[in-house]
Protein backbone atom coordinates (compact mmCIF):
# COMPACT_ATOMS: atom_id res chain seq x y z
CA MET A 1 -78.74 33.30 -48.54
CA PRO A 2 -75.55 31.31 -48.11
CA VAL A 3 -73.24 32.45 -45.35
CA PRO A 4 -69.74 33.20 -46.66
CA SER A 5 -67.20 30.79 -45.32
CA ALA A 6 -64.61 32.16 -42.95
CA LYS A 7 -61.09 32.53 -44.22
CA PRO A 8 -58.76 29.82 -42.95
CA ARG A 9 -56.62 30.88 -40.01
CA ARG A 10 -53.08 31.83 -40.93
CA PRO A 11 -50.55 30.17 -38.63
CA ASP A 12 -48.54 32.39 -36.32
CA HIS A 13 -44.96 31.49 -37.14
CA GLY A 14 -43.55 33.42 -34.18
CA SER A 15 -41.26 36.42 -33.94
CA ALA A 16 -37.54 37.11 -33.62
CA THR A 17 -37.72 37.36 -29.84
CA ALA A 18 -40.42 34.71 -29.35
CA PRO A 19 -40.04 32.04 -32.04
CA ARG A 20 -42.25 29.00 -32.21
CA ARG A 21 -40.67 26.09 -30.37
CA ALA A 22 -40.96 22.56 -31.77
CA ARG A 23 -40.26 19.26 -30.05
CA MET A 24 -36.50 18.67 -29.87
CA MET A 25 -35.15 16.28 -32.48
CA PRO A 26 -33.38 13.10 -31.40
CA PRO A 27 -29.61 13.21 -32.12
CA ALA A 28 -29.82 11.10 -35.30
CA GLN A 29 -32.56 13.31 -36.73
CA ALA A 30 -30.59 16.47 -35.89
CA GLU A 31 -27.57 15.06 -37.70
CA ALA A 32 -29.69 14.19 -40.73
CA PHE A 33 -31.10 17.74 -40.80
CA ILE A 34 -27.62 19.30 -40.78
CA ARG A 35 -26.26 16.83 -43.34
CA ALA A 36 -29.13 17.69 -45.70
CA LEU A 37 -28.07 21.35 -45.56
CA ALA A 38 -24.44 20.31 -46.08
CA VAL A 39 -25.21 18.34 -49.24
CA ALA A 40 -27.09 21.31 -50.71
CA ASN A 41 -24.27 23.78 -49.94
CA PRO A 42 -20.93 21.98 -49.55
CA ALA A 43 -18.76 25.12 -49.35
CA PRO A 44 -20.65 27.77 -47.36
CA GLU A 45 -19.13 31.19 -46.72
CA THR A 46 -20.00 34.35 -44.85
CA GLU A 47 -21.79 36.94 -46.97
CA LEU A 48 -19.87 39.81 -45.38
CA THR A 49 -17.17 41.34 -47.58
CA TYR A 50 -13.74 41.31 -45.94
CA SER A 51 -10.07 40.86 -46.81
CA ASP A 52 -8.39 39.99 -43.51
CA PRO A 53 -9.18 39.37 -39.83
CA PHE A 54 -9.43 43.09 -39.05
CA THR A 55 -11.88 43.93 -41.82
CA LEU A 56 -14.01 40.90 -40.91
CA LEU A 57 -14.07 41.97 -37.26
CA VAL A 58 -15.20 45.47 -38.21
CA ALA A 59 -17.80 44.15 -40.65
CA VAL A 60 -19.29 41.84 -38.02
CA VAL A 61 -19.45 44.66 -35.45
CA LEU A 62 -21.23 46.84 -38.01
CA SER A 63 -23.68 44.04 -38.88
CA ALA A 64 -25.43 44.06 -35.50
CA GLN A 65 -29.16 44.67 -36.13
CA THR A 66 -28.28 45.39 -39.77
CA THR A 67 -28.26 43.21 -42.87
CA ASP A 68 -25.02 41.95 -44.35
CA ALA A 69 -26.02 43.55 -47.65
CA ALA A 70 -26.30 46.97 -46.01
CA VAL A 71 -22.90 46.55 -44.37
CA ASN A 72 -21.32 45.49 -47.66
CA ARG A 73 -22.55 48.67 -49.31
CA CYS A 74 -20.72 50.92 -46.86
CA THR A 75 -17.52 49.04 -45.98
CA PRO A 76 -15.63 49.34 -49.31
CA GLY A 77 -15.24 53.09 -48.82
CA LEU A 78 -14.44 52.69 -45.12
CA PHE A 79 -11.80 50.01 -45.70
CA ALA A 80 -10.22 51.98 -48.53
CA ALA A 81 -9.85 54.95 -46.17
CA ALA A 82 -8.73 52.88 -43.17
CA PRO A 83 -7.53 49.35 -44.05
CA THR A 84 -5.60 48.76 -40.80
CA PRO A 85 -6.28 49.20 -37.08
CA ALA A 86 -3.81 52.12 -36.94
CA ALA A 87 -5.52 53.87 -39.84
CA MET A 88 -8.97 53.25 -38.37
CA ALA A 89 -7.90 54.58 -34.98
CA ALA A 90 -6.48 57.68 -36.66
CA LEU A 91 -9.72 58.18 -38.58
CA GLY A 92 -11.66 58.20 -35.30
CA ALA A 93 -15.40 58.04 -34.74
CA GLU A 94 -15.92 61.37 -36.50
CA GLY A 95 -14.15 60.12 -39.61
CA ILE A 96 -15.78 56.69 -39.56
CA GLY A 97 -19.32 58.02 -39.18
CA PRO A 98 -19.81 59.43 -42.70
CA PHE A 99 -18.99 56.04 -44.24
CA ILE A 100 -21.59 54.12 -42.21
CA ARG A 101 -24.51 56.56 -41.86
CA THR A 102 -26.76 54.27 -43.89
CA ILE A 103 -26.74 51.45 -41.33
CA GLY A 104 -28.61 51.21 -38.05
CA LEU A 105 -27.05 52.51 -34.83
CA TRP A 106 -24.20 54.01 -36.85
CA GLN A 107 -23.10 56.54 -34.24
CA GLY A 108 -22.51 53.97 -31.51
CA LYS A 109 -20.88 51.62 -34.03
CA ALA A 110 -18.52 54.38 -35.19
CA ARG A 111 -17.40 54.91 -31.60
CA ASN A 112 -16.95 51.18 -31.02
CA VAL A 113 -14.95 50.64 -34.22
CA ALA A 114 -12.65 53.54 -33.40
CA ALA A 115 -12.17 52.27 -29.84
CA LEU A 116 -11.54 48.66 -30.81
CA ALA A 117 -9.01 49.79 -33.42
CA ARG A 118 -7.16 51.74 -30.72
CA ASP A 119 -7.21 48.70 -28.44
CA LEU A 120 -5.83 46.48 -31.21
CA VAL A 121 -2.95 48.90 -31.74
CA GLU A 122 -2.21 49.50 -28.08
CA LYS A 123 -2.81 46.05 -26.61
CA HIS A 124 -2.37 43.53 -29.45
CA GLY A 125 0.29 44.96 -31.74
CA GLY A 126 -2.26 45.82 -34.40
CA GLN A 127 -3.38 42.19 -34.75
CA VAL A 128 -6.78 40.62 -34.15
CA PRO A 129 -6.37 38.12 -31.28
CA ALA A 130 -7.33 34.49 -31.82
CA ASP A 131 -8.61 34.30 -28.26
CA ARG A 132 -12.21 34.58 -27.08
CA VAL A 133 -11.49 36.48 -23.88
CA ALA A 134 -9.33 39.04 -25.66
CA LEU A 135 -11.87 39.45 -28.46
CA GLU A 136 -14.81 39.94 -26.11
CA ALA A 137 -12.82 42.58 -24.20
CA LEU A 138 -12.79 44.78 -27.33
CA PRO A 139 -15.42 47.56 -27.53
CA GLY A 140 -18.55 46.45 -29.40
CA VAL A 141 -17.53 42.78 -29.49
CA GLY A 142 -19.81 40.25 -27.82
CA ARG A 143 -19.93 36.49 -27.87
CA LYS A 144 -21.61 36.24 -31.27
CA THR A 145 -19.07 38.52 -32.96
CA ALA A 146 -16.19 36.66 -31.32
CA ASN A 147 -17.65 33.34 -32.49
CA VAL A 148 -17.85 34.56 -36.11
CA VAL A 149 -14.25 35.79 -36.12
CA LEU A 150 -12.90 32.67 -34.39
CA ASN A 151 -14.80 30.47 -36.84
CA VAL A 152 -14.17 32.26 -40.13
CA VAL A 153 -10.59 33.50 -39.85
CA PHE A 154 -9.10 31.21 -37.19
CA GLY A 155 -10.84 27.96 -38.12
CA GLN A 156 -12.26 27.29 -34.67
CA GLU A 157 -15.37 25.16 -34.22
CA THR A 158 -17.72 27.80 -32.85
CA MET A 159 -21.42 28.45 -33.31
CA ALA A 160 -22.44 32.11 -33.65
CA VAL A 161 -26.17 32.32 -32.92
CA ASP A 162 -27.95 35.30 -34.44
CA THR A 163 -31.69 35.90 -34.76
CA HIS A 164 -31.91 33.56 -37.77
CA ILE A 165 -30.25 30.63 -36.01
CA PHE A 166 -32.14 31.29 -32.77
CA ARG A 167 -35.42 31.13 -34.70
CA LEU A 168 -34.39 28.08 -36.73
CA GLY A 169 -33.10 26.14 -33.75
CA ASN A 170 -36.42 26.62 -31.99
CA ARG A 171 -38.84 26.39 -34.89
CA CYS A 172 -37.59 23.13 -36.37
CA GLY A 173 -36.64 21.48 -33.08
CA LEU A 174 -32.94 21.26 -33.90
CA ALA A 175 -31.88 22.99 -30.67
CA PRO A 176 -34.79 24.65 -28.90
CA GLY A 177 -33.91 27.05 -26.10
CA ARG A 178 -35.14 30.16 -24.33
CA THR A 179 -31.87 32.06 -24.65
CA VAL A 180 -29.26 32.52 -27.36
CA ARG A 181 -26.65 30.81 -25.21
CA GLU A 182 -28.90 27.82 -24.58
CA VAL A 183 -29.46 27.39 -28.33
CA GLU A 184 -25.72 27.79 -28.99
CA ASP A 185 -24.74 25.17 -26.40
CA ARG A 186 -27.28 22.68 -27.70
CA LEU A 187 -26.19 23.16 -31.31
CA VAL A 188 -22.54 22.63 -30.41
CA LYS A 189 -23.44 19.49 -28.48
CA ARG A 190 -25.74 18.05 -31.15
CA CYS A 191 -23.81 18.91 -34.33
CA PRO A 192 -21.40 16.23 -35.62
CA PRO A 193 -17.85 17.49 -34.88
CA ALA A 194 -16.80 17.21 -38.53
CA LEU A 195 -19.64 19.54 -39.54
CA LEU A 196 -19.52 22.03 -36.68
CA ARG A 197 -17.32 24.68 -38.25
CA ASP A 198 -19.54 25.04 -41.34
CA ALA A 199 -22.83 24.52 -39.49
CA HIS A 200 -23.00 28.19 -38.52
CA HIS A 201 -23.05 29.19 -42.20
CA TRP A 202 -25.52 26.50 -43.22
CA LEU A 203 -27.95 27.47 -40.50
CA ILE A 204 -27.73 31.24 -40.90
CA LEU A 205 -28.17 31.04 -44.67
CA HIS A 206 -31.07 28.61 -44.29
CA GLY A 207 -32.76 30.91 -41.79
CA ARG A 208 -32.12 33.98 -43.92
CA TYR A 209 -33.36 32.63 -47.25
CA VAL A 210 -35.62 29.62 -46.58
CA CYS A 211 -36.85 29.32 -42.99
CA LYS A 212 -37.77 33.00 -42.93
CA ALA A 213 -39.12 34.90 -39.95
CA ARG A 214 -42.53 35.85 -41.30
CA ALA A 215 -43.24 32.46 -42.88
CA PRO A 216 -40.96 29.51 -43.65
CA GLU A 217 -40.71 28.47 -47.30
CA CYS A 218 -40.91 24.79 -46.53
CA TRP A 219 -41.80 23.84 -50.07
CA ARG A 220 -38.16 24.40 -51.05
CA CYS A 221 -36.46 23.23 -47.85
CA VAL A 222 -33.93 20.47 -48.44
CA ALA A 223 -34.19 19.39 -44.79
CA ARG A 224 -38.00 19.38 -44.58
CA ALA A 225 -38.22 15.61 -44.06
CA PHE A 226 -36.28 15.97 -40.80
CA CYS A 227 -38.02 19.11 -39.45
CA ASN A 228 -40.41 18.93 -36.47
CA TYR A 229 -42.26 22.18 -37.21
CA ARG A 230 -45.98 21.43 -37.23
CA ASP A 231 -47.26 24.31 -39.40
CA LYS A 232 -45.13 23.74 -42.46
CA VAL A 233 -45.85 25.98 -45.45
CA LEU A 234 -45.86 23.45 -48.26
CA ALA A 235 -46.72 25.74 -51.17
CA PRO A 236 -46.00 29.37 -52.08
CA PRO A 237 -48.79 31.79 -51.17
CA ALA A 238 -51.31 32.18 -53.96
C-alpha cells in the first residue's frame, strides 16, 4: 500500500515582533527597490482622513494598534464635534470616548487626545508645533507619531516606522534591525534623499497590501527582483 506523501512544509514568514531577517541589500540594490515602488505609486498619501495638522495629529494618535480604516470610521463624528484643540479640550475624555469606542485602547486614547488638546491650547497657542521635541512632549505622542506629522503636514524628510515597515525592512533586507529605531536609522541612511519624504508611504502601503504579515504576495510585488527574501511566495495559494 503506497504511503501518502507528506505535505510540503509551509514557510514561517515571521511575526510582527519577530520578523524574518534577510541579508542586507547593498546601497544600489536598496535604491532600486525603493525606486520600483516609486514608479508604481508616484504620488503616495496617508490613508488617514484629516483636514489640517491638528486632525492629522489626533488621527495618528488614535491609529496606534488600530487600522487606519477603523480610525477613519470614527473620526468624522469626532472632528465635527471638536474640530479645534480648544473644542477638543472642552469636550474632554468623557466626551471624546463615545466617538472612538470602536477602536482599540479607546479609553487611554480619549484621555491622551483630551490632554494633548489642552497642551496645544495652553503651550502652543492652539497650533501643532513643527518641532520634534515639542511634539513628543505631547500626551500620547511618540517618535512614530511625530515622524508622521512632521512628514505629512510639515514636509520634513522623516521615516515613521510602524509594524509594517519594521517587518518589510527586515524581511526583504532593505534595512534589517532588531529595534524600530535601528530600522528607521538605516532606512534614512540608505534611502536616496530625493525619495525620503515619500518613502514612508511607499513602504507602509507595500507592507500593508503586498508584503503582508502572514504571507507576502510576492507574485504581484513590483520590487521582487531586488528583494533578498529567500522564501518568496510566487503564486497565490491554491
